[in-house]
Protein backbone atom coordinates (compact mmCIF):
# COMPACT_ATOMS: atom_id res chain seq x y z
CA MET A 1 0.49 -0.07 -0.28
CA ALA A 2 2.87 2.28 1.26
CA ARG A 3 4.91 1.79 -2.22
CA GLU A 4 1.29 2.80 -4.31
CA LEU A 5 0.35 5.47 -2.26
CA ARG A 6 4.01 6.79 -3.05
CA ARG A 7 3.98 5.33 -6.74
CA HIS A 8 0.31 7.67 -7.60
CA LYS A 9 1.78 10.66 -5.57
CA LEU A 10 -1.62 9.82 -3.35
CA THR A 11 -1.70 11.14 0.52
CA LEU A 12 -3.69 8.63 3.10
CA ALA A 13 -6.14 10.63 4.83
CA LEU A 14 -7.31 8.38 7.67
CA ILE A 15 -7.65 5.44 8.87
CA ASN A 16 -9.48 3.55 11.66
CA CYS A 17 -8.40 2.50 15.16
CA PRO A 18 -8.97 -0.68 15.14
CA PRO A 19 -8.48 -1.50 11.51
CA PRO A 20 -11.62 -3.07 10.41
CA ASN A 21 -12.45 -6.63 10.03
CA TYR A 22 -14.40 -7.02 7.03
CA THR A 23 -14.33 -10.83 7.05
CA ASP A 24 -16.05 -10.36 10.69
CA PRO A 25 -19.79 -8.25 9.82
CA ASP A 26 -20.54 -8.77 13.79
CA ALA A 27 -16.99 -7.76 14.75
CA PRO A 28 -16.97 -4.78 17.57
CA ARG A 29 -16.65 -1.02 16.36
CA GLY A 30 -13.50 -0.58 18.32
CA PHE A 31 -12.98 -0.11 22.25
CA ALA A 32 -12.51 3.00 23.60
CA ALA A 33 -14.93 3.34 25.72
CA VAL A 34 -15.55 0.04 26.39
CA PRO A 35 -14.84 -0.92 30.32
CA GLY A 36 -12.84 -3.49 31.17
CA HIS A 37 -11.12 -3.36 27.72
CA ALA A 38 -8.50 -0.97 28.08
CA GLU A 39 -5.64 -3.17 26.87
CA ARG A 40 -7.08 -4.24 24.20
CA PHE A 41 -7.96 -0.72 23.10
CA ARG A 42 -4.11 -0.03 24.17
CA SER A 43 -2.75 -2.94 21.99
CA ASP A 44 -5.18 -1.28 18.74
CA PHE A 45 -3.81 1.91 18.70
CA ARG A 46 -0.09 0.80 19.11
CA ARG A 47 -0.59 -1.69 15.74
CA SER A 48 -3.30 1.40 14.15
CA LEU A 49 -0.36 3.97 14.89
CA ARG A 50 2.04 1.50 13.23
CA TYR A 51 0.17 1.41 10.13
CA ALA A 52 -0.39 5.29 9.78
CA ARG A 53 3.29 5.84 10.26
CA THR A 54 3.98 3.28 7.90
CA LEU A 55 1.11 4.54 5.20
CA GLY A 56 1.97 8.49 6.06
CA ALA A 57 -1.49 8.58 7.19
CA GLU A 58 -2.22 12.08 8.34
CA ARG A 59 -5.15 11.31 10.87
CA VAL A 60 -6.10 8.14 12.49
CA HIS A 61 -10.16 8.00 13.74
CA VAL A 62 -10.77 6.44 17.09
CA MET A 63 -13.71 4.16 17.05
CA ALA A 64 -15.47 4.10 20.32
CA GLY A 65 -17.73 0.82 20.01
CA VAL A 66 -20.44 -0.43 22.23
CA ALA A 67 -21.12 1.02 25.37
CA GLU A 68 -23.38 2.89 27.75
CA GLY A 69 -23.63 4.81 30.68
CA PRO A 70 -21.00 7.24 32.75
CA GLU A 71 -18.67 4.25 33.45
CA ALA A 72 -18.50 4.27 29.62
CA GLY A 73 -17.80 8.37 28.92
CA ALA A 74 -15.10 7.78 31.52
CA VAL A 75 -12.78 4.93 29.94
CA PHE A 76 -13.82 6.83 26.89
CA ALA A 77 -12.11 10.09 28.10
CA ASP A 78 -9.26 8.23 29.88
CA ASN A 79 -7.84 6.09 26.57
CA LEU A 80 -8.29 9.15 24.49
CA ALA A 81 -6.31 11.24 26.95
CA TRP A 82 -4.05 8.63 27.05
CA ALA A 83 -3.86 7.87 22.89
CA CYS A 84 -3.46 11.38 22.82
CA ALA A 85 -0.07 11.75 24.59
CA GLU A 86 1.30 8.48 23.60
CA ALA A 87 1.16 9.88 20.37
CA PRO A 88 1.37 13.42 20.19
CA GLU A 89 2.37 13.93 16.77
CA GLN A 90 -0.26 11.68 15.22
CA LEU A 91 -3.80 13.77 14.19
CA LEU A 92 -6.76 11.44 15.68
CA THR A 93 -10.33 12.30 15.67
CA ILE A 94 -14.21 10.78 17.05
CA GLU A 95 -16.84 10.44 15.31
CA PRO A 96 -20.93 10.22 16.27
CA LEU A 97 -22.77 7.23 14.90
CA ASN A 98 -26.05 6.77 14.17
CA GLY A 99 -27.81 3.89 16.17
CA HIS A 100 -29.73 2.59 13.39
CA ASP A 101 -26.32 1.70 11.48
CA VAL A 102 -24.85 1.01 14.26
CA PRO A 103 -26.88 -0.19 17.27
CA GLY A 104 -25.30 0.73 20.94
CA TYR A 105 -22.79 2.55 19.63
CA PHE A 106 -21.87 4.92 21.46
CA LEU A 107 -20.60 7.98 21.06
CA ASP A 108 -24.06 8.79 19.15
CA ASP A 109 -24.43 12.44 19.73
CA TYR A 110 -22.46 15.76 18.51
CA ASP A 111 -23.13 17.30 21.92
CA LEU A 112 -21.53 14.09 23.89
CA ALA A 113 -18.64 14.78 21.28
CA LEU A 114 -17.63 18.16 21.53
CA SER A 115 -17.96 17.17 25.57
CA VAL A 116 -15.41 13.84 25.23
CA LEU A 117 -13.25 17.12 23.34
CA ASP A 118 -13.34 19.51 26.08
CA ASP A 119 -12.31 16.77 28.61
CA VAL A 120 -9.97 15.62 26.83
CA ALA A 121 -8.27 19.05 25.72
CA ALA A 122 -6.15 17.78 23.88
CA PRO A 123 -4.27 19.35 20.58
CA ASN A 124 -4.59 16.48 18.20
CA LEU A 125 -7.91 15.39 18.38
CA SER A 126 -10.78 16.89 16.86
CA LEU A 127 -14.18 16.06 15.70
CA GLN A 128 -14.88 13.70 12.63
CA PHE A 129 -17.80 14.76 10.15
CA ASP A 130 -19.99 12.17 8.17
CA THR A 131 -22.87 13.98 6.14
CA TYR A 132 -24.64 10.69 6.26
CA HIS A 133 -24.40 9.77 10.04
CA ALA A 134 -25.13 13.66 10.23
CA ALA A 135 -28.49 13.62 8.82
CA ARG A 136 -29.77 10.83 10.44
CA LEU A 137 -28.81 12.25 13.60
CA THR A 138 -30.24 16.01 13.64
CA GLY A 139 -31.77 16.04 9.95
CA ASN A 140 -30.28 19.18 9.30
CA VAL A 141 -26.06 18.55 7.90
CA VAL A 142 -25.70 22.38 7.69
CA ALA A 143 -27.16 24.10 10.98
CA LEU A 144 -24.98 20.82 12.29
CA TRP A 145 -21.80 21.88 10.53
CA GLU A 146 -22.77 25.52 11.91
CA ALA A 147 -22.56 24.93 15.70
CA VAL A 148 -19.52 22.32 14.88
CA GLY A 149 -17.20 23.12 12.40
CA PRO A 150 -14.95 25.12 13.69
CA ARG A 151 -13.99 21.49 16.15
CA VAL A 152 -14.16 19.53 12.74
CA GLY A 153 -11.00 17.89 11.35
CA HIS A 154 -11.70 15.90 9.27
CA VAL A 155 -15.22 15.76 6.41
CA GLN A 156 -16.64 12.81 5.18
CA VAL A 157 -19.70 13.21 2.88
CA GLY A 158 -22.77 10.52 1.85
CA ASP A 159 -26.46 11.42 1.11
CA HIS A 160 -29.51 10.10 2.75
CA PRO A 161 -31.31 8.31 2.74
CA GLY A 162 -29.16 5.26 0.95
CA ARG A 163 -26.03 6.56 1.83
CA HIS A 164 -24.60 7.14 -1.87
CA GLU A 165 -22.97 10.15 -3.37
CA PRO A 166 -23.70 13.38 -3.24
CA GLY A 167 -26.58 14.09 -5.32
CA SER A 168 -28.06 11.14 -4.98
CA GLY A 169 -30.23 12.00 -1.92
CA GLU A 170 -32.01 15.01 0.31
CA ILE A 171 -28.85 16.76 1.33
CA ASP A 172 -28.31 20.13 0.02
CA PHE A 173 -24.53 19.24 -1.10
CA GLY A 174 -24.66 22.98 -2.38
CA THR A 175 -24.88 24.87 0.84
CA PHE A 176 -22.84 22.76 2.64
CA PHE A 177 -19.79 22.83 0.28
CA ALA A 178 -20.16 26.62 -0.16
CA GLN A 179 -20.44 27.11 3.80
CA LEU A 180 -16.97 25.07 3.95
CA ARG A 181 -15.27 27.78 1.72
CA ARG A 182 -17.22 30.66 3.92
CA ASP A 183 -15.53 29.10 6.95
CA GLY A 184 -12.39 28.19 5.77
CA TYR A 185 -12.22 24.93 5.86
CA ALA A 186 -8.97 23.77 4.63
CA GLY A 187 -8.95 19.39 5.43
CA TRP A 188 -9.84 16.71 3.59
CA VAL A 189 -13.26 15.80 2.25
CA SER A 190 -13.69 12.07 1.31
CA GLY A 191 -16.41 10.33 -0.15
CA GLU A 192 -17.37 7.61 2.02
CA TYR A 193 -20.36 6.15 0.35
CA VAL A 194 -22.11 3.14 -1.50
CA PRO A 195 -22.07 4.07 -5.14
CA ALA A 196 -25.56 4.15 -6.70
CA GLY A 197 -23.73 2.64 -9.94
CA ARG A 198 -19.97 2.68 -11.25
CA THR A 199 -17.84 4.83 -9.03
CA ALA A 200 -16.67 7.12 -11.61
CA ALA A 201 -20.14 7.69 -13.38
CA GLY A 202 -20.76 9.95 -9.58
CA LEU A 203 -17.65 11.45 -8.79
CA GLY A 204 -19.72 14.63 -10.48
CA TRP A 205 -19.59 15.90 -6.74
CA ARG A 206 -16.44 16.88 -6.31
CA ARG A 207 -16.98 19.80 -8.55
CA GLY A 208 -19.11 21.46 -5.81
C-alpha cells in the first residue's frame, strides 16, 4: 500500500482504529469506550499507529465501540487522553455514528462528542464530520456544521437516504460545500458512500 501511494503521489487521509475486520460483519466497532478493555484498546491503538506511520496517514479515527453510561464516558475520555499523549505528533479524530446503522455505539450524539473533546482538551484530537450520520442524527447537516464546524478536522460525505454519492438524496450539498468554503475549512473532504452505479459515473459531486 505504501508503495502504491508513493507511485500515484497520493496522500492517505485517514484510517480507523482498530483497523476493520471485514471478514466478520459482527466484529466490534472499537473498544475505546468499553469498560474493561483498556489493554485491548492500547494494543489496537499501537497497531493502528504502526499502520499510520508506515502509510503516512494524516489522521487516525479512534472508534468508541458499543457501550453506554457514565463509566463508558469516563473510559472513553481516559483512553483518548492516553492515545493523544502516546502519539502527540499523530492527529486523531472521533466520530458520532447513528444508532440505526451501528446499534449501541457509544458516541451517538454531537453534544456528547463536543463534551469529550472538552474533557480531553488535546491539540491533536478533533471531530470527524460525516454528512450521512449527521443527517440521520439531526436532520439538518448545514445547521449542525454551523454549530460544530470549528472543531472538525476531517469531513466525509455520503447522501441520505441510501448513503450513495452526494446528489443522490435529500442533503443540500451545494449549500454545505459553500459553507465549508466560507468557513475556510482546509481539511480533506472524502467520499464515504456506496456508489449508486459505477464509481466513476458518480464523481461529479467533486466539482461542488
